[in-house]
Amino acid sequence: MNENLIIELERDGIVTATFRKLDPEKKKTLYVTALTAFSEDVFDRVSFDYIAETAGVSKGSLFQYFGNKENLLRFTCEIFIDNYRQFWDSQRTRAEGIHTRERIRDFSQTLLDFRAERKVEYAFYVKMLYENSRELTDDFLQKINRILLEHLNRLISRGARTAEIRQDIPAERIAFVITALIEASHRYSNTINQKLRNREKLMDIIEDIEGMLFDGIKG
C-alpha cells in the first residue's frame, strides 16, 4: 500500500493518524475487506459491523480509523485508483518494439483481462459506476478514465512520431474514441452473453472495429 497516499488521505481527513500507524498487513486487510463489501452491495446497505467483524477489528476501532462509512468508501476508492495506476504503469514496457496497432490491441486485451481476472475489483468498479453517490462516482470515474487515457495517449503519440498514425488528429481525441469503442464492445458482449464469458470472441469484435478505425487514422 502506498504510504505516501495514506499520509495525503490523513491530511484530507479521510483516515486518521491511528490508521496511518497500523502495520501494512492490517491496512491491506481493511482495504480488501472494504473493497469486497462495497463490491457486493450498494453504499446504504454495506454494514460497518460486517466489515469490522470480517476484518477482525472492533466497530469502535473502525470508527477510530475512518470516522464514518463515507470516509471508508473514499479510502477504498483512492487505494483502488492508486493500485490501478500502478497496474498500468507496469504495462508500459510490456510491448516495447512492436507496432502501434499491436500495442493498441495489447491495451484492449489487457483491459479485458483485468476485468475478467480481477472480479472483485471489477465488481467494485461497476458498483461505483451505477450505484453509489453521484459526487464520489464522478470523481472516481474521472481519475480512472484519466489513467486509461494517459496510457493510450503515450501509445498514440508514439504512433504519430513513427508515422503509423495521422498527426493531424489530437492524440487525446483518438484515445477517447478507442476507449469508447472498447466500452461499447464490452456492453455489447454483456448484452449477448449476460456476462463476459468469451474474451476471445469479444477481442475479435474489438479487433474488427479497431481495424476499421485504424484505416481512418493511420499515417
Protein backbone atom coordinates (compact mmCIF):
# COMPACT_ATOMS: atom_id res chain seq x y z
CA MET A 1 0.00 0.00 0.00
CA ASN A 2 1.26 3.46 -0.93
CA GLU A 3 2.21 5.06 2.40
CA ASN A 4 2.60 8.49 0.79
CA LEU A 5 -1.02 8.26 -0.30
CA ILE A 6 -2.05 7.30 3.26
CA ILE A 7 -0.36 10.48 4.51
CA GLU A 8 -2.33 12.51 1.93
CA LEU A 9 -5.57 10.83 2.98
CA GLU A 10 -4.82 11.65 6.60
CA ARG A 11 -4.22 15.27 5.67
CA ASP A 12 -7.57 15.30 3.83
CA GLY A 13 -9.37 13.88 6.87
CA ILE A 14 -10.28 10.56 5.18
CA VAL A 15 -8.18 8.40 7.51
CA THR A 16 -6.83 9.15 10.96
CA ALA A 17 -3.32 9.08 12.39
CA THR A 18 -4.35 5.92 14.24
CA PHE A 19 -4.96 4.19 10.91
CA ARG A 20 -1.72 5.52 9.43
CA LYS A 21 0.21 3.93 12.29
CA LEU A 22 -1.24 0.45 11.68
CA ASP A 23 1.08 -2.18 10.22
CA PRO A 24 0.85 -2.64 6.43
CA GLU A 25 -0.85 -6.04 6.62
CA LYS A 26 -3.65 -4.70 8.82
CA LYS A 27 -4.17 -1.79 6.40
CA LYS A 28 -4.30 -4.22 3.50
CA THR A 29 -6.81 -6.44 5.32
CA LEU A 30 -9.09 -3.45 5.96
CA TYR A 31 -8.82 -2.37 2.33
CA VAL A 32 -9.57 -5.82 0.89
CA THR A 33 -12.48 -6.29 3.30
CA ALA A 34 -13.98 -2.90 2.42
CA LEU A 35 -13.39 -3.45 -1.30
CA THR A 36 -15.23 -6.77 -1.15
CA ALA A 37 -18.12 -5.36 0.89
CA PHE A 38 -18.60 -2.35 -1.39
CA SER A 39 -18.34 -4.57 -4.48
CA GLU A 40 -21.18 -6.79 -3.25
CA ASP A 41 -23.73 -4.19 -2.22
CA VAL A 42 -24.62 -0.51 -2.52
CA PHE A 43 -23.33 2.01 -0.01
CA ASP A 44 -26.50 2.28 2.09
CA ARG A 45 -26.66 -1.47 2.69
CA VAL A 46 -22.99 -2.06 3.50
CA SER A 47 -22.66 -2.72 7.22
CA PHE A 48 -19.90 -1.26 9.36
CA ASP A 49 -20.44 -4.18 11.74
CA TYR A 50 -19.88 -6.71 8.94
CA ILE A 51 -16.68 -5.01 7.78
CA ALA A 52 -15.33 -4.80 11.32
CA GLU A 53 -16.11 -8.45 12.05
CA THR A 54 -14.67 -9.69 8.75
CA ALA A 55 -11.51 -7.61 9.14
CA GLY A 56 -11.05 -8.79 12.71
CA VAL A 57 -11.35 -5.39 14.41
CA SER A 58 -13.95 -3.84 16.67
CA LYS A 59 -16.61 -1.49 15.30
CA GLY A 60 -15.18 1.21 17.58
CA SER A 61 -11.73 0.75 16.06
CA LEU A 62 -13.19 1.08 12.56
CA PHE A 63 -14.76 4.41 13.53
CA GLN A 64 -11.46 5.42 15.07
CA TYR A 65 -9.65 4.67 11.78
CA PHE A 66 -12.11 6.36 9.41
CA GLY A 67 -14.69 8.32 11.37
CA ASN A 68 -17.64 7.25 9.21
CA LYS A 69 -18.66 4.89 6.39
CA GLU A 70 -18.31 7.52 3.68
CA ASN A 71 -14.65 8.02 4.57
CA LEU A 72 -14.16 4.26 4.43
CA LEU A 73 -15.58 4.22 0.90
CA ARG A 74 -13.42 7.22 -0.09
CA PHE A 75 -10.36 5.43 1.28
CA THR A 76 -11.28 2.31 -0.71
CA CYS A 77 -11.70 4.37 -3.88
CA GLU A 78 -8.35 6.12 -3.51
CA ILE A 79 -6.43 2.90 -2.86
CA PHE A 80 -8.21 1.23 -5.80
CA ILE A 81 -7.24 4.16 -8.07
CA ASP A 82 -3.63 4.09 -6.90
CA ASN A 83 -3.39 0.32 -7.46
CA TYR A 84 -4.97 0.76 -10.91
CA ARG A 85 -2.41 3.42 -11.80
CA GLN A 86 0.43 1.15 -10.68
CA PHE A 87 -1.02 -1.69 -12.75
CA TRP A 88 -1.00 0.38 -15.94
CA ASP A 89 2.43 1.83 -15.16
CA SER A 90 3.72 -1.77 -15.05
CA GLN A 91 2.41 -2.30 -18.60
CA ARG A 92 4.49 0.49 -20.16
CA THR A 93 7.42 -1.66 -21.29
CA ARG A 94 5.41 -4.82 -21.98
CA ALA A 95 5.01 -4.15 -25.67
CA GLU A 96 8.16 -2.15 -26.46
CA GLY A 97 9.35 -2.50 -30.03
CA ILE A 98 6.09 -3.66 -31.63
CA HIS A 99 3.90 -1.66 -33.99
CA THR A 100 1.38 0.82 -32.66
CA ARG A 101 -1.62 -1.14 -33.90
CA GLU A 102 -0.43 -4.22 -31.97
CA ARG A 103 0.22 -2.04 -28.91
CA ILE A 104 -3.35 -0.75 -29.04
CA ARG A 105 -4.64 -4.31 -29.41
CA ASP A 106 -2.48 -5.32 -26.43
CA PHE A 107 -4.02 -2.45 -24.45
CA SER A 108 -7.53 -3.73 -25.28
CA GLN A 109 -6.62 -7.28 -24.27
CA THR A 110 -5.01 -6.14 -21.03
CA LEU A 111 -8.10 -4.12 -20.12
CA LEU A 112 -10.38 -7.11 -20.73
CA ASP A 113 -8.04 -9.44 -18.83
CA PHE A 114 -8.08 -7.09 -15.84
CA ARG A 115 -11.87 -7.11 -15.79
CA ALA A 116 -12.19 -10.85 -16.21
CA GLU A 117 -9.44 -11.94 -13.82
CA ARG A 118 -9.86 -9.36 -11.04
CA LYS A 119 -13.51 -9.97 -10.38
CA VAL A 120 -13.75 -8.16 -7.02
CA GLU A 121 -12.06 -5.04 -8.38
CA TYR A 122 -14.28 -5.03 -11.45
CA ALA A 123 -17.43 -5.59 -9.36
CA PHE A 124 -16.40 -2.60 -7.22
CA TYR A 125 -15.89 -0.51 -10.36
CA VAL A 126 -19.38 -1.42 -11.61
CA LYS A 127 -20.94 -0.55 -8.25
CA MET A 128 -19.20 2.82 -8.33
CA LEU A 129 -20.34 3.34 -11.91
CA TYR A 130 -24.03 2.76 -11.30
CA GLU A 131 -25.00 2.57 -7.65
CA ASN A 132 -23.10 4.92 -5.35
CA SER A 133 -23.12 8.68 -4.64
CA ARG A 134 -23.00 10.85 -7.76
CA GLU A 135 -20.31 13.19 -6.43
CA LEU A 136 -17.97 10.39 -5.41
CA THR A 137 -18.74 8.39 -8.55
CA ASP A 138 -17.88 11.31 -10.84
CA ASP A 139 -14.53 11.88 -9.11
CA PHE A 140 -13.74 8.15 -9.15
CA LEU A 141 -14.53 7.72 -12.85
CA GLN A 142 -12.63 10.86 -13.86
CA LYS A 143 -9.49 9.53 -12.18
CA ILE A 144 -9.88 6.03 -13.65
CA ASN A 145 -10.52 7.38 -17.15
CA ARG A 146 -7.56 9.75 -16.84
CA ILE A 147 -5.26 6.80 -16.13
CA LEU A 148 -6.51 4.92 -19.21
CA LEU A 149 -6.35 7.96 -21.47
CA GLU A 150 -2.83 8.88 -20.33
CA HIS A 151 -1.67 5.33 -21.10
CA LEU A 152 -3.32 5.38 -24.53
CA ASN A 153 -2.05 8.88 -25.28
CA ARG A 154 1.52 7.62 -24.90
CA LEU A 155 0.86 4.76 -27.35
CA ILE A 156 -0.82 7.05 -29.87
CA SER A 157 1.79 9.82 -29.61
CA ARG A 158 4.47 7.23 -30.32
CA GLY A 159 2.49 6.07 -33.35
CA ALA A 160 2.28 9.64 -34.63
CA ARG A 161 6.05 10.06 -34.25
CA THR A 162 6.70 6.87 -36.25
CA ALA A 163 4.12 7.92 -38.91
CA GLU A 164 1.89 4.92 -38.12
CA ILE A 165 -0.92 7.28 -37.10
CA ARG A 166 -2.03 10.56 -38.63
CA GLN A 167 -0.52 13.59 -36.96
CA ASP A 168 -3.40 15.96 -37.73
CA ILE A 169 -5.76 14.37 -35.17
CA PRO A 170 -5.01 15.10 -31.49
CA ALA A 171 -3.85 12.01 -29.57
CA GLU A 172 -6.42 12.74 -26.85
CA ARG A 173 -9.27 12.54 -29.37
CA ILE A 174 -8.09 9.22 -30.80
CA ALA A 175 -7.63 7.82 -27.28
CA PHE A 176 -11.19 8.85 -26.41
CA VAL A 177 -12.58 7.06 -29.48
CA ILE A 178 -10.62 3.87 -28.76
CA THR A 179 -11.72 3.67 -25.12
CA ALA A 180 -15.31 4.40 -26.18
CA LEU A 181 -15.32 1.54 -28.70
CA ILE A 182 -13.88 -0.88 -26.11
CA GLU A 183 -16.59 0.10 -23.62
CA ALA A 184 -19.30 -0.23 -26.29
CA SER A 185 -17.98 -3.63 -27.37
CA HIS A 186 -17.94 -4.79 -23.76
CA ARG A 187 -21.54 -3.70 -23.22
CA TYR A 188 -22.50 -5.41 -26.49
CA SER A 189 -20.89 -8.65 -25.33
CA ASN A 190 -22.62 -8.43 -21.95
CA THR A 191 -25.97 -7.90 -23.66
CA ILE A 192 -25.49 -11.02 -25.77
CA ASN A 193 -23.93 -13.29 -23.15
CA GLN A 194 -25.36 -11.75 -19.97
CA LYS A 195 -21.80 -11.80 -18.65
CA LEU A 196 -18.31 -11.70 -20.09
CA ARG A 197 -17.68 -15.40 -20.74
CA ASN A 198 -15.84 -15.39 -24.06
CA ARG A 199 -12.98 -12.89 -24.16
CA GLU A 200 -11.71 -14.33 -27.45
CA LYS A 201 -14.98 -13.50 -29.20
CA LEU A 202 -15.04 -10.03 -27.70
CA MET A 203 -11.45 -9.43 -28.79
CA ASP A 204 -12.44 -10.49 -32.32
CA ILE A 205 -15.18 -7.84 -32.26
CA ILE A 206 -12.78 -5.19 -30.92
CA GLU A 207 -10.09 -6.09 -33.46
CA ASP A 208 -12.58 -5.80 -36.32
CA ILE A 209 -13.69 -2.36 -35.13
CA GLU A 210 -10.11 -1.26 -34.45
CA GLY A 211 -9.20 -2.38 -37.96
CA MET A 212 -11.90 -0.15 -39.44
CA LEU A 213 -10.87 2.70 -37.13
CA PHE A 214 -7.17 2.29 -37.89
CA ASP A 215 -7.79 2.63 -41.61
CA GLY A 216 -9.07 6.11 -40.81
CA ILE A 217 -6.23 7.24 -38.52
CA LYS A 218 -3.13 5.53 -39.93
CA GLY A 219 -0.43 7.66 -41.45
